[in-house]
PDB file of all heavy atoms in Angstrom:
ATOM      1  N   SER A   1    -270.506 -25.327  89.424  1.00  0.00           N
ATOM      2  CA  SER A   1    -269.858 -24.037  89.302  1.00  0.00           C
ATOM      3  C   SER A   1    -270.964 -23.024  89.743  1.00  0.00           C
ATOM      4  O   SER A   1    -272.038 -23.332  89.964  1.00  0.00           O
ATOM      5  CB  SER A   1    -269.423 -23.796  87.894  1.00  0.00           C
ATOM      6  OG  SER A   1    -270.545 -23.846  87.016  1.00  0.00           O
ATOM      7  N   VAL A   2    -270.466 -21.794  89.964  1.00  0.00           N
ATOM      8  CA  VAL A   2    -271.361 -20.795  90.342  1.00  0.00           C
ATOM      9  C   VAL A   2    -271.043 -19.506  89.438  1.00  0.00           C
ATOM     10  O   VAL A   2    -270.027 -19.417  88.837  1.00  0.00           O
ATOM     11  CB  VAL A   2    -271.088 -20.281  91.797  1.00  0.00           C
ATOM     12  CG1 VAL A   2    -271.692 -21.383  92.788  1.00  0.00           C
ATOM     13  CG2 VAL A   2    -269.647 -19.910  92.121  1.00  0.00           C
ATOM     14  N   ALA A   3    -272.005 -18.601  89.418  1.00  0.00           N
ATOM     15  CA  ALA A   3    -271.827 -17.450  88.592  1.00  0.00           C
ATOM     16  C   ALA A   3    -272.496 -16.171  89.495  1.00  0.00           C
ATOM     17  O   ALA A   3    -273.289 -16.429  90.352  1.00  0.00           O
ATOM     18  CB  ALA A   3    -272.603 -17.460  87.360  1.00  0.00           C
ATOM     19  N   GLY A   4    -272.064 -14.974  89.107  1.00  0.00           N
ATOM     20  CA  GLY A   4    -272.536 -13.765  89.876  1.00  0.00           C
ATOM     21  C   GLY A   4    -271.899 -13.662  91.181  1.00  0.00           C
ATOM     22  O   GLY A   4    -272.476 -13.065  92.090  1.00  0.00           O
ATOM     23  N   THR A   5    -270.639 -14.137  91.339  1.00  0.00           N
ATOM     24  CA  THR A   5    -269.908 -13.986  92.781  1.00  0.00           C
ATOM     25  C   THR A   5    -268.744 -13.208  92.677  1.00  0.00           C
ATOM     26  O   THR A   5    -267.904 -13.245  93.598  1.00  0.00           O
ATOM     27  CB  THR A   5    -269.495 -15.570  93.160  1.00  0.00           C
ATOM     28  OG1 THR A   5    -268.502 -16.012  92.168  1.00  0.00           O
ATOM     29  CG2 THR A   5    -270.679 -16.517  93.263  1.00  0.00           C
ATOM     30  N   ASP A   6    -268.577 -12.273  91.753  1.00  0.00           N
ATOM     31  CA  ASP A   6    -267.382 -11.555  91.689  1.00  0.00           C
ATOM     32  C   ASP A   6    -267.251 -10.633  92.770  1.00  0.00           C
ATOM     33  O   ASP A   6    -268.152  -9.914  93.234  1.00  0.00           O
ATOM     34  CB  ASP A   6    -267.478 -10.587  90.324  1.00  0.00           C
ATOM     35  CG  ASP A   6    -267.281 -11.514  89.090  1.00  0.00           C
ATOM     36  OD1 ASP A   6    -266.872 -12.670  89.182  1.00  0.00           O
ATOM     37  OD2 ASP A   6    -267.556 -10.926  88.012  1.00  0.00           O
ATOM     38  N   GLY A   7    -266.078 -10.697  93.396  1.00  0.00           N
ATOM     39  CA  GLY A   7    -265.813  -9.797  94.594  1.00  0.00           C
ATOM     40  C   GLY A   7    -266.453 -10.200  95.945  1.00  0.00           C
ATOM     41  O   GLY A   7    -266.327  -9.564  96.915  1.00  0.00           O
ATOM     42  N   LEU A   8    -267.158 -11.377  95.950  1.00  0.00           N
ATOM     43  CA  LEU A   8    -267.810 -11.852  97.127  1.00  0.00           C
ATOM     44  C   LEU A   8    -266.921 -12.727  98.015  1.00  0.00           C
ATOM     45  O   LEU A   8    -267.325 -13.100  99.136  1.00  0.00           O
ATOM     46  CB  LEU A   8    -269.181 -12.461  96.776  1.00  0.00           C
ATOM     47  CG  LEU A   8    -270.278 -11.540  96.243  1.00  0.00           C
ATOM     48  CD1 LEU A   8    -271.434 -12.416  95.812  1.00  0.00           C
ATOM     49  CD2 LEU A   8    -270.586 -10.390  97.076  1.00  0.00           C
ATOM     50  N   GLY A   9    -265.951 -13.366  97.279  1.00  0.00           N
ATOM     51  CA  GLY A   9    -265.070 -14.269  98.123  1.00  0.00           C
ATOM     52  C   GLY A   9    -265.695 -15.752  98.179  1.00  0.00           C
ATOM     53  O   GLY A   9    -265.273 -16.461  99.050  1.00  0.00           O
ATOM     54  N   ILE A  10    -266.599 -16.108  97.307  1.00  0.00           N
ATOM     55  CA  ILE A  10    -267.253 -17.357  97.372  1.00  0.00           C
ATOM     56  C   ILE A  10    -266.395 -18.309  96.595  1.00  0.00           C
ATOM     57  O   ILE A  10    -265.919 -18.043  95.456  1.00  0.00           O
ATOM     58  CB  ILE A  10    -268.642 -17.284  96.720  1.00  0.00           C
ATOM     59  CG1 ILE A  10    -269.660 -16.442  97.655  1.00  0.00           C
ATOM     60  CG2 ILE A  10    -269.308 -18.675  96.496  1.00  0.00           C
ATOM     61  CD1 ILE A  10    -270.933 -16.216  96.963  1.00  0.00           C
ATOM     62  N   THR A  11    -266.342 -19.533  97.152  1.00  0.00           N
ATOM     63  CA  THR A  11    -265.549 -20.657  96.387  1.00  0.00           C
ATOM     64  C   THR A  11    -266.617 -21.857  96.352  1.00  0.00           C
ATOM     65  O   THR A  11    -267.295 -22.161  97.400  1.00  0.00           O
ATOM     66  CB  THR A  11    -264.278 -21.083  97.152  1.00  0.00           C
ATOM     67  OG1 THR A  11    -264.588 -21.498  98.450  1.00  0.00           O
ATOM     68  CG2 THR A  11    -263.353 -19.955  97.261  1.00  0.00           C
ATOM     69  N   LEU A  12    -266.554 -22.435  95.161  1.00  0.00           N
ATOM     70  CA  LEU A  12    -267.303 -23.661  94.926  1.00  0.00           C
ATOM     71  C   LEU A  12    -266.530 -24.487  93.990  1.00  0.00           C
ATOM     72  O   LEU A  12    -266.312 -24.084  92.728  1.00  0.00           O
ATOM     73  CB  LEU A  12    -268.731 -23.430  94.315  1.00  0.00           C
ATOM     74  CG  LEU A  12    -269.526 -24.683  93.979  1.00  0.00           C
ATOM     75  CD1 LEU A  12    -270.018 -25.378  95.275  1.00  0.00           C
ATOM     76  CD2 LEU A  12    -270.800 -24.209  93.165  1.00  0.00           C
ATOM     77  N   ASP A  13    -265.930 -25.608  94.446  1.00  0.00           N
ATOM     78  CA  ASP A  13    -265.116 -26.496  93.470  1.00  0.00           C
ATOM     79  C   ASP A  13    -266.164 -27.380  92.785  1.00  0.00           C
ATOM     80  O   ASP A  13    -267.349 -27.372  92.915  1.00  0.00           O
ATOM     81  CB  ASP A  13    -264.144 -27.273  94.276  1.00  0.00           C
ATOM     82  CG  ASP A  13    -264.773 -28.347  95.235  1.00  0.00           C
ATOM     83  OD1 ASP A  13    -265.932 -28.637  95.113  1.00  0.00           O
ATOM     84  OD2 ASP A  13    -264.045 -28.732  96.198  1.00  0.00           O
ATOM     85  N   SER A  14    -265.606 -28.132  91.703  1.00  0.00           N
ATOM     86  CA  SER A  14    -266.382 -28.946  90.807  1.00  0.00           C
ATOM     87  C   SER A  14    -267.098 -30.004  91.596  1.00  0.00           C
ATOM     88  O   SER A  14    -268.071 -30.584  90.967  1.00  0.00           O
ATOM     89  CB  SER A  14    -265.407 -29.502  89.698  1.00  0.00           C
ATOM     90  OG  SER A  14    -264.425 -30.259  90.318  1.00  0.00           O
ATOM     91  N   LEU A  15    -266.642 -30.414  92.654  1.00  0.00           N
ATOM     92  CA  LEU A  15    -267.320 -31.405  93.494  1.00  0.00           C
ATOM     93  C   LEU A  15    -268.573 -30.930  94.329  1.00  0.00           C
ATOM     94  O   LEU A  15    -269.182 -31.720  94.895  1.00  0.00           O
ATOM     95  CB  LEU A  15    -266.383 -32.174  94.356  1.00  0.00           C
ATOM     96  CG  LEU A  15    -265.174 -32.840  93.711  1.00  0.00           C
ATOM     97  CD1 LEU A  15    -264.216 -33.515  94.707  1.00  0.00           C
ATOM     98  CD2 LEU A  15    -265.681 -33.969  92.709  1.00  0.00           C
ATOM     99  N   GLY A  16    -268.694 -29.634  94.305  1.00  0.00           N
ATOM    100  CA  GLY A  16    -269.838 -29.089  95.054  1.00  0.00           C
ATOM    101  C   GLY A  16    -269.424 -28.558  96.378  1.00  0.00           C
ATOM    102  O   GLY A  16    -270.404 -28.225  97.250  1.00  0.00           O
ATOM    103  N   ASN A  17    -268.212 -28.502  96.831  1.00  0.00           N
ATOM    104  CA  ASN A  17    -267.820 -28.016  98.059  1.00  0.00           C
ATOM    105  C   ASN A  17    -267.931 -26.512  98.054  1.00  0.00           C
ATOM    106  O   ASN A  17    -267.179 -25.922  97.432  1.00  0.00           O
ATOM    107  CB  ASN A  17    -266.378 -28.466  98.483  1.00  0.00           C
ATOM    108  CG  ASN A  17    -266.317 -29.969  98.636  1.00  0.00           C
ATOM    109  OD1 ASN A  17    -267.148 -30.578  99.435  1.00  0.00           O
ATOM    110  ND2 ASN A  17    -265.470 -30.555  97.828  1.00  0.00           N
ATOM    111  N   PHE A  18    -268.844 -25.993  98.867  1.00  0.00           N
ATOM    112  CA  PHE A  18    -269.159 -24.539  98.834  1.00  0.00           C
ATOM    113  C   PHE A  18    -268.618 -23.904 100.225  1.00  0.00           C
ATOM    114  O   PHE A  18    -268.747 -24.481 101.201  1.00  0.00           O
ATOM    115  CB  PHE A  18    -270.624 -24.313  98.834  1.00  0.00           C
ATOM    116  CG  PHE A  18    -271.105 -22.809  98.927  1.00  0.00           C
ATOM    117  CD1 PHE A  18    -271.184 -22.060  97.745  1.00  0.00           C
ATOM    118  CD2 PHE A  18    -271.359 -22.284 100.111  1.00  0.00           C
ATOM    119  CE1 PHE A  18    -271.641 -20.784  97.870  1.00  0.00           C
ATOM    120  CE2 PHE A  18    -271.689 -20.915 100.274  1.00  0.00           C
ATOM    121  CZ  PHE A  18    -271.951 -20.183  98.979  1.00  0.00           C
ATOM    122  N   GLN A  19    -268.029 -22.625 100.082  1.00  0.00           N
ATOM    123  CA  GLN A  19    -267.583 -21.923 101.262  1.00  0.00           C
ATOM    124  C   GLN A  19    -267.660 -20.469 101.017  1.00  0.00           C
ATOM    125  O   GLN A  19    -267.257 -19.934  99.943  1.00  0.00           O
ATOM    126  CB  GLN A  19    -265.977 -22.420 101.544  1.00  0.00           C
ATOM    127  CG  GLN A  19    -265.605 -21.699 102.898  1.00  0.00           C
ATOM    128  CD  GLN A  19    -264.119 -22.193 103.023  1.00  0.00           C
ATOM    129  OE1 GLN A  19    -263.371 -22.662 102.285  1.00  0.00           O
ATOM    130  NE2 GLN A  19    -263.713 -21.917 104.392  1.00  0.00           N
ATOM    131  N   TRP A  20    -268.131 -19.765 102.092  1.00  0.00           N
ATOM    132  CA  TRP A  20    -268.361 -18.289 101.903  1.00  0.00           C
ATOM    133  C   TRP A  20    -268.397 -17.675 103.341  1.00  0.00           C
ATOM    134  O   TRP A  20    -269.152 -18.201 104.210  1.00  0.00           O
ATOM    135  CB  TRP A  20    -269.593 -17.974 101.181  1.00  0.00           C
ATOM    136  CG  TRP A  20    -269.722 -16.564 100.941  1.00  0.00           C
ATOM    137  CD1 TRP A  20    -268.835 -15.587 100.664  1.00  0.00           C
ATOM    138  CD2 TRP A  20    -271.049 -15.804 100.793  1.00  0.00           C
ATOM    139  NE1 TRP A  20    -269.368 -14.383 100.496  1.00  0.00           N
ATOM    140  CE2 TRP A  20    -270.758 -14.451 100.511  1.00  0.00           C
ATOM    141  CE3 TRP A  20    -272.295 -16.303 100.832  1.00  0.00           C
ATOM    142  CZ2 TRP A  20    -271.773 -13.530 100.334  1.00  0.00           C
ATOM    143  CZ3 TRP A  20    -273.431 -15.274 100.573  1.00  0.00           C
ATOM    144  CH2 TRP A  20    -272.968 -13.906 100.381  1.00  0.00           C
ATOM    145  N   ARG A  21    -267.536 -16.712 103.582  1.00  0.00           N
ATOM    146  CA  ARG A  21    -267.652 -15.850 104.662  1.00  0.00           C
ATOM    147  C   ARG A  21    -267.935 -14.429 104.266  1.00  0.00           C
ATOM    148  O   ARG A  21    -266.842 -13.771 103.841  1.00  0.00           O
ATOM    149  CB  ARG A  21    -266.249 -15.899 105.523  1.00  0.00           C
ATOM    150  CG  ARG A  21    -266.440 -15.206 106.896  1.00  0.00           C
ATOM    151  CD  ARG A  21    -265.073 -15.208 107.640  1.00  0.00           C
ATOM    152  NE  ARG A  21    -264.600 -16.575 107.900  1.00  0.00           N
ATOM    153  CZ  ARG A  21    -264.896 -17.242 109.041  1.00  0.00           C
ATOM    154  NH1 ARG A  21    -265.626 -16.700 109.901  1.00  0.00           N
ATOM    155  NH2 ARG A  21    -264.376 -18.439 109.234  1.00  0.00           N
ATOM    156  N   PRO A  22    -269.037 -13.875 104.289  1.00  0.00           N
ATOM    157  CA  PRO A  22    -269.319 -12.589 103.792  1.00  0.00           C
ATOM    158  C   PRO A  22    -268.494 -11.571 104.618  1.00  0.00           C
ATOM    159  O   PRO A  22    -268.304 -11.596 105.793  1.00  0.00           O
ATOM    160  CB  PRO A  22    -270.775 -12.283 104.176  1.00  0.00           C
ATOM    161  CG  PRO A  22    -271.441 -13.678 104.252  1.00  0.00           C
ATOM    162  CD  PRO A  22    -270.289 -14.562 104.775  1.00  0.00           C
ATOM    163  N   SER A  23    -267.742 -10.625 103.831  1.00  0.00           N
ATOM    164  CA  SER A  23    -266.926  -9.685 104.406  1.00  0.00           C
ATOM    165  C   SER A  23    -267.708  -8.587 105.206  1.00  0.00           C
ATOM    166  O   SER A  23    -269.075  -8.456 104.891  1.00  0.00           O
ATOM    167  CB  SER A  23    -266.079  -8.997 103.383  1.00  0.00           C
ATOM    168  OG  SER A  23    -266.954  -8.256 102.461  1.00  0.00           O
ATOM    169  N   PHE A  24    -267.119  -7.920 106.130  1.00  0.00           N
ATOM    170  CA  PHE A  24    -267.814  -7.006 106.933  1.00  0.00           C
ATOM    171  C   PHE A  24    -268.104  -5.689 106.229  1.00  0.00           C
ATOM    172  O   PHE A  24    -268.849  -4.845 106.817  1.00  0.00           O
ATOM    173  CB  PHE A  24    -266.933  -6.611 108.175  1.00  0.00           C
ATOM    174  CG  PHE A  24    -267.072  -7.715 109.309  1.00  0.00           C
ATOM    175  CD1 PHE A  24    -266.007  -8.666 109.346  1.00  0.00           C
ATOM    176  CD2 PHE A  24    -268.095  -7.808 110.063  1.00  0.00           C
ATOM    177  CE1 PHE A  24    -266.038  -9.688 110.312  1.00  0.00           C
ATOM    178  CE2 PHE A  24    -268.124  -8.812 111.145  1.00  0.00           C
ATOM    179  CZ  PHE A  24    -267.063  -9.701 111.114  1.00  0.00           C
ATOM    180  N   ASP A  25    -267.632  -5.481 105.073  1.00  0.00           N
ATOM    181  CA  ASP A  25    -268.037  -4.239 104.349  1.00  0.00           C
ATOM    182  C   ASP A  25    -269.137  -4.608 103.181  1.00  0.00           C
ATOM    183  O   ASP A  25    -269.104  -3.740 102.254  1.00  0.00           O
ATOM    184  CB  ASP A  25    -266.687  -3.668 103.594  1.00  0.00           C
ATOM    185  CG  ASP A  25    -266.045  -4.606 102.753  1.00  0.00           C
ATOM    186  OD1 ASP A  25    -266.481  -5.795 102.629  1.00  0.00           O
ATOM    187  OD2 ASP A  25    -265.080  -4.245 102.077  1.00  0.00           O
ATOM    188  N   LEU A  26    -269.738  -5.768 103.262  1.00  0.00           N
ATOM    189  CA  LEU A  26    -270.676  -6.067 102.352  1.00  0.00           C
ATOM    190  C   LEU A  26    -271.962  -5.353 102.420  1.00  0.00           C
ATOM    191  O   LEU A  26    -272.672  -4.980 101.498  1.00  0.00           O
ATOM    192  CB  LEU A  26    -270.876  -7.663 102.315  1.00  0.00           C
ATOM    193  CG  LEU A  26    -271.673  -8.281 101.140  1.00  0.00           C
ATOM    194  CD1 LEU A  26    -270.943  -7.969  99.807  1.00  0.00           C
ATOM    195  CD2 LEU A  26    -271.838  -9.717 101.418  1.00  0.00           C
ATOM    196  N   VAL A  27    -272.377  -5.060 103.688  1.00  0.00           N
ATOM    197  CA  VAL A  27    -273.540  -4.454 104.007  1.00  0.00           C
ATOM    198  C   VAL A  27    -273.243  -3.203 104.864  1.00  0.00           C
ATOM    199  O   VAL A  27    -272.563  -3.392 105.922  1.00  0.00           O
ATOM    200  CB  VAL A  27    -274.568  -5.346 104.735  1.00  0.00           C
ATOM    201  CG1 VAL A  27    -275.894  -4.562 104.954  1.00  0.00           C
ATOM    202  CG2 VAL A  27    -274.802  -6.689 104.012  1.00  0.00           C
ATOM    203  N   ASP A  28    -273.586  -1.957 104.543  1.00  0.00           N
ATOM    204  CA  ASP A  28    -273.345  -0.917 105.391  1.00  0.00           C
ATOM    205  C   ASP A  28    -274.311  -0.816 106.594  1.00  0.00           C
ATOM    206  O   ASP A  28    -275.342  -1.434 106.752  1.00  0.00           O
ATOM    207  CB  ASP A  28    -273.317   0.348 104.510  1.00  0.00           C
ATOM    208  CG  ASP A  28    -274.654   0.705 104.013  1.00  0.00           C
ATOM    209  OD1 ASP A  28    -275.728   0.609 104.621  1.00  0.00           O
ATOM    210  OD2 ASP A  28    -274.693   1.182 102.817  1.00  0.00           O
ATOM    211  N   ARG A  29    -274.079   0.109 107.484  1.00  0.00           N
ATOM    212  CA  ARG A  29    -274.720   0.182 108.772  1.00  0.00           C
ATOM    213  C   ARG A  29    -276.178   0.899 108.432  1.00  0.00           C
ATOM    214  O   ARG A  29    -276.952   0.782 109.436  1.00  0.00           O
ATOM    215  CB  ARG A  29    -273.942   1.096 109.812  1.00  0.00           C
ATOM    216  CG  ARG A  29    -273.789   2.482 109.419  1.00  0.00           C
ATOM    217  CD  ARG A  29    -272.937   3.315 110.353  1.00  0.00           C
ATOM    218  NE  ARG A  29    -272.779   4.647 109.949  1.00  0.00           N
ATOM    219  CZ  ARG A  29    -273.617   5.586 110.445  1.00  0.00           C
ATOM    220  NH1 ARG A  29    -274.685   5.215 111.210  1.00  0.00           N
ATOM    221  NH2 ARG A  29    -273.420   6.817 110.195  1.00  0.00           N
ATOM    222  N   VAL A  30    -276.329   1.636 107.430  1.00  0.00           N
ATOM    223  CA  VAL A  30    -277.703   2.209 107.202  1.00  0.00           C
ATOM    224  C   VAL A  30    -278.450   1.129 106.490  1.00  0.00           C
ATOM    225  O   VAL A  30    -279.776   1.065 106.709  1.00  0.00           O
ATOM    226  CB  VAL A  30    -277.371   3.458 106.301  1.00  0.00           C
ATOM    227  CG1 VAL A  30    -278.747   4.058 105.960  1.00  0.00           C
ATOM    228  CG2 VAL A  30    -276.516   4.475 107.083  1.00  0.00           C
ATOM    229  N   GLU A  31    -277.898   0.348 105.511  1.00  0.00           N
ATOM    230  CA  GLU A  31    -278.756  -0.493 104.802  1.00  0.00           C
ATOM    231  C   GLU A  31    -279.246  -1.765 105.642  1.00  0.00           C
ATOM    232  O   GLU A  31    -280.323  -2.255 105.439  1.00  0.00           O
ATOM    233  CB  GLU A  31    -277.931  -1.091 103.664  1.00  0.00           C
ATOM    234  CG  GLU A  31    -278.576  -1.919 102.603  1.00  0.00           C
ATOM    235  CD  GLU A  31    -277.651  -2.357 101.437  1.00  0.00           C
ATOM    236  OE1 GLU A  31    -276.426  -2.211 101.554  1.00  0.00           O
ATOM    237  OE2 GLU A  31    -278.233  -2.878 100.397  1.00  0.00           O
ATOM    238  N   LYS A  32    -278.359  -2.115 106.562  1.00  0.00           N
ATOM    239  CA  LYS A  32    -278.678  -3.219 107.579  1.00  0.00           C
ATOM    240  C   LYS A  32    -278.677  -4.676 106.921  1.00  0.00           C
ATOM    241  O   LYS A  32    -278.255  -5.558 107.652  1.00  0.00           O
ATOM    242  CB  LYS A  32    -280.082  -2.966 108.309  1.00  0.00           C
ATOM    243  CG  LYS A  32    -280.075  -1.714 109.196  1.00  0.00           C
ATOM    244  CD  LYS A  32    -279.014  -1.935 110.288  1.00  0.00           C
ATOM    245  CE  LYS A  32    -279.083  -0.707 111.120  1.00  0.00           C
ATOM    246  NZ  LYS A  32    -278.102  -0.663 112.311  1.00  0.00           N
ATOM    247  N   SER A  33    -279.258  -4.843 105.745  1.00  0.00           N
ATOM    248  CA  SER A  33    -279.170  -6.164 105.172  1.00  0.00           C
ATOM    249  C   SER A  33    -279.276  -5.985 103.685  1.00  0.00           C
ATOM    250  O   SER A  33    -279.595  -4.889 103.135  1.00  0.00           O
ATOM    251  CB  SER A  33    -280.508  -6.968 105.674  1.00  0.00           C
ATOM    252  OG  SER A  33    -281.630  -6.462 105.139  1.00  0.00           O
ATOM    253  N   ARG A  34    -278.910  -7.178 102.951  1.00  0.00           N
ATOM    254  CA  ARG A  34    -278.822  -7.094 101.568  1.00  0.00           C
ATOM    255  C   ARG A  34    -279.007  -8.451 100.995  1.00  0.00           C
ATOM    256  O   ARG A  34    -278.542  -9.424 101.518  1.00  0.00           O
ATOM    257  CB  ARG A  34    -277.318  -6.671 101.213  1.00  0.00           C
ATOM    258  CG  ARG A  34    -277.025  -6.664  99.705  1.00  0.00           C
ATOM    259  CD  ARG A  34    -275.685  -6.203  99.395  1.00  0.00           C
ATOM    260  NE  ARG A  34    -275.274  -6.284  97.991  1.00  0.00           N
ATOM    261  CZ  ARG A  34    -273.955  -6.131  97.556  1.00  0.00           C
ATOM    262  NH1 ARG A  34    -273.087  -5.782  98.411  1.00  0.00           N
ATOM    263  NH2 ARG A  34    -273.724  -6.208  96.285  1.00  0.00           N
ATOM    264  N   ASP A  35    -279.859  -8.360  99.833  1.00  0.00           N
ATOM    265  CA  ASP A  35    -280.166  -9.629  99.128  1.00  0.00           C
ATOM    266  C   ASP A  35    -279.111  -9.800  97.950  1.00  0.00           C
ATOM    267  O   ASP A  35    -278.818  -8.951  97.256  1.00  0.00           O
ATOM    268  CB  ASP A  35    -281.466  -9.551  98.520  1.00  0.00           C
ATOM    269  CG  ASP A  35    -282.656  -9.791  99.510  1.00  0.00           C
ATOM    270  OD1 ASP A  35    -282.277 -10.277 100.540  1.00  0.00           O
ATOM    271  OD2 ASP A  35    -283.802  -9.257  99.263  1.00  0.00           O
ATOM    272  N   ILE A  36    -278.459 -11.003  97.975  1.00  0.00           N
ATOM    273  CA  ILE A  36    -277.493 -11.310  96.909  1.00  0.00           C
ATOM    274  C   ILE A  36    -277.830 -12.583  96.276  1.00  0.00           C
ATOM    275  O   ILE A  36    -278.133 -13.641  96.933  1.00  0.00           O
ATOM    276  CB  ILE A  36    -276.096 -11.434  97.661  1.00  0.00           C
ATOM    277  CG1 ILE A  36    -275.521 -10.219  98.296  1.00  0.00           C
ATOM    278  CG2 ILE A  36    -275.059 -11.971  96.599  1.00  0.00           C
ATOM    279  CD1 ILE A  36    -274.382 -10.317  98.930  1.00  0.00           C
ATOM    280  N   THR A  37    -277.967 -12.426  95.005  1.00  0.00           N
ATOM    281  CA  THR A  37    -278.383 -13.681  94.166  1.00  0.00           C
ATOM    282  C   THR A  37    -277.207 -14.444  93.593  1.00  0.00           C
ATOM    283  O   THR A  37    -276.348 -13.730  92.975  1.00  0.00           O
ATOM    284  CB  THR A  37    -279.330 -13.164  93.024  1.00  0.00           C
ATOM    285  OG1 THR A  37    -280.500 -12.556  93.506  1.00  0.00           O
ATOM    286  CG2 THR A  37    -279.830 -14.453  92.136  1.00  0.00           C
ATOM    287  N   ILE A  38    -277.136 -15.595  93.810  1.00  0.00           N
ATOM    288  CA  ILE A  38    -275.963 -16.491  93.266  1.00  0.00           C
ATOM    289  C   ILE A  38    -276.640 -17.550  92.463  1.00  0.00           C
ATOM    290  O   ILE A  38    -277.589 -18.138  92.809  1.00  0.00           O
ATOM    291  CB  ILE A  38    -275.242 -17.099  94.537  1.00  0.00           C
ATOM    292  CG1 ILE A  38    -274.705 -16.088  95.413  1.00  0.00           C
ATOM    293  CG2 ILE A  38    -274.159 -17.987  94.021  1.00  0.00           C
ATOM    294  CD1 ILE A  38    -273.911 -16.520  96.562  1.00  0.00           C
ATOM    295  N   ILE A  39    -276.018 -17.725  91.380  1.00  0.00           N
ATOM    296  CA  ILE A  39    -276.510 -18.767  90.423  1.00  0.00           C
ATOM    297  C   ILE A  39    -275.674 -19.995  90.504  1.00  0.00           C
ATOM    298  O   ILE A  39    -274.375 -19.955  90.150  1.00  0.00           O
ATOM    299  CB  ILE A  39    -276.505 -18.220  88.972  1.00  0.00           C
ATOM    300  CG1 ILE A  39    -277.291 -16.978  88.835  1.00  0.00           C
ATOM    301  CG2 ILE A  39    -276.922 -19.252  87.971  1.00  0.00           C
ATOM    302  CD1 ILE A  39    -277.225 -16.257  87.512  1.00  0.00           C
ATOM    303  N   PHE A  40    -276.187 -21.071  90.893  1.00  0.00           N
ATOM    304  CA  PHE A  40    -275.488 -22.376  90.876  1.00  0.00           C
ATOM    305  C   PHE A  40    -275.759 -23.174  89.583  1.00  0.00           C
ATOM    306  O   PHE A  40    -276.868 -23.151  89.087  1.00  0.00           O
ATOM    307  CB  PHE A  40    -276.031 -23.254  92.073  1.00  0.00           C
ATOM    308  CG  PHE A  40    -275.700 -22.644  93.439  1.00  0.00           C
ATOM    309  CD1 PHE A  40    -276.504 -21.753  94.058  1.00  0.00           C
ATOM    310  CD2 PHE A  40    -274.543 -23.115  94.043  1.00  0.00           C
ATOM    311  CE1 PHE A  40    -276.139 -21.202  95.255  1.00  0.00           C
ATOM    312  CE2 PHE A  40    -274.226 -22.609  95.262  1.00  0.00           C
ATOM    313  CZ  PHE A  40    -275.044 -21.699  95.907  1.00  0.00           C
ATOM    314  N   GLN A  41    -274.732 -23.813  89.143  1.00  0.00           N
ATOM    315  CA  GLN A  41    -274.787 -24.399  87.873  1.00  0.00           C
ATOM    316  C   GLN A  41    -274.230 -25.885  87.915  1.00  0.00           C
ATOM    317  O   GLN A  41    -273.303 -26.138  88.700  1.00  0.00           O
ATOM    318  CB  GLN A  41    -273.981 -23.763  86.719  1.00  0.00           C
ATOM    319  CG  GLN A  41    -274.426 -22.337  86.573  1.00  0.00           C
ATOM    320  CD  GLN A  41    -273.508 -21.637  85.539  1.00  0.00           C
ATOM    321  OE1 GLN A  41    -274.010 -20.795  84.792  1.00  0.00           O
ATOM    322  NE2 GLN A  41    -272.273 -21.889  85.561  1.00  0.00           N
ATOM    323  N   GLN A  42    -274.897 -26.851  87.213  1.00  0.00           N
ATOM    324  CA  GLN A  42    -274.169 -28.177  87.155  1.00  0.00           C
ATOM    325  C   GLN A  42    -274.161 -28.619  85.620  1.00  0.00           C
ATOM    326  O   GLN A  42    -275.170 -28.421  84.921  1.00  0.00           O
ATOM    327  CB  GLN A  42    -275.099 -29.197  87.939  1.00  0.00           C
ATOM    328  CG  GLN A  42    -276.547 -29.296  87.567  1.00  0.00           C
ATOM    329  CD  GLN A  42    -277.253 -30.295  88.520  1.00  0.00           C
ATOM    330  OE1 GLN A  42    -276.625 -31.160  89.239  1.00  0.00           O
ATOM    331  NE2 GLN A  42    -278.639 -30.314  88.360  1.00  0.00           N
ATOM    332  N   SER A  43    -273.079 -29.186  85.353  1.00  0.00           N
ATOM    333  CA  SER A  43    -272.855 -29.704  83.989  1.00  0.00           C
ATOM    334  C   SER A  43    -272.981 -31.055  83.956  1.00  0.00           C
ATOM    335  O   SER A  43    -272.238 -31.837  84.638  1.00  0.00           O
ATOM    336  CB  SER A  43    -271.396 -29.147  83.464  1.00  0.00           C
ATOM    337  OG  SER A  43    -271.319 -27.728  83.518  1.00  0.00           O
ATOM    338  N   LEU A  44    -273.968 -31.648  83.195  1.00  0.00           N
ATOM    339  CA  LEU A  44    -274.227 -33.046  83.127  1.00  0.00           C
ATOM    340  C   LEU A  44    -273.355 -33.740  82.093  1.00  0.00           C
ATOM    341  O   LEU A  44    -272.742 -33.142  81.204  1.00  0.00           O
ATOM    342  CB  LEU A  44    -275.677 -33.201  82.896  1.00  0.00           C
ATOM    343  CG  LEU A  44    -276.742 -32.435  83.604  1.00  0.00           C
ATOM    344  CD1 LEU A  44    -278.135 -32.740  83.239  1.00  0.00           C
ATOM    345  CD2 LEU A  44    -276.504 -32.857  85.069  1.00  0.00           C
ATOM    346  N   PRO A  45    -273.204 -35.061  82.288  1.00  0.00           N
ATOM    347  CA  PRO A  45    -272.340 -35.802  81.305  1.00  0.00           C
ATOM    348  C   PRO A  45    -272.805 -35.738  79.851  1.00  0.00           C
ATOM    349  O   PRO A  45    -271.954 -35.843  78.921  1.00  0.00           O
ATOM    350  CB  PRO A  45    -272.363 -37.215  81.814  1.00  0.00           C
ATOM    351  CG  PRO A  45    -272.747 -37.240  83.252  1.00  0.00           C
ATOM    352  CD  PRO A  45    -273.644 -35.859  83.324  1.00  0.00           C
TER     353      PRO A  45
END
């Protein structure tokens, strides 16, 4: 599972299939780049 992905459009199913296409409004033309921290989690048996 993942945490900290609200509004980012990130999907990660329980099998670990990750998919993300950052939207074009995520970084503005003045900022140029942006660091985004995503927390990956695994639940053990």
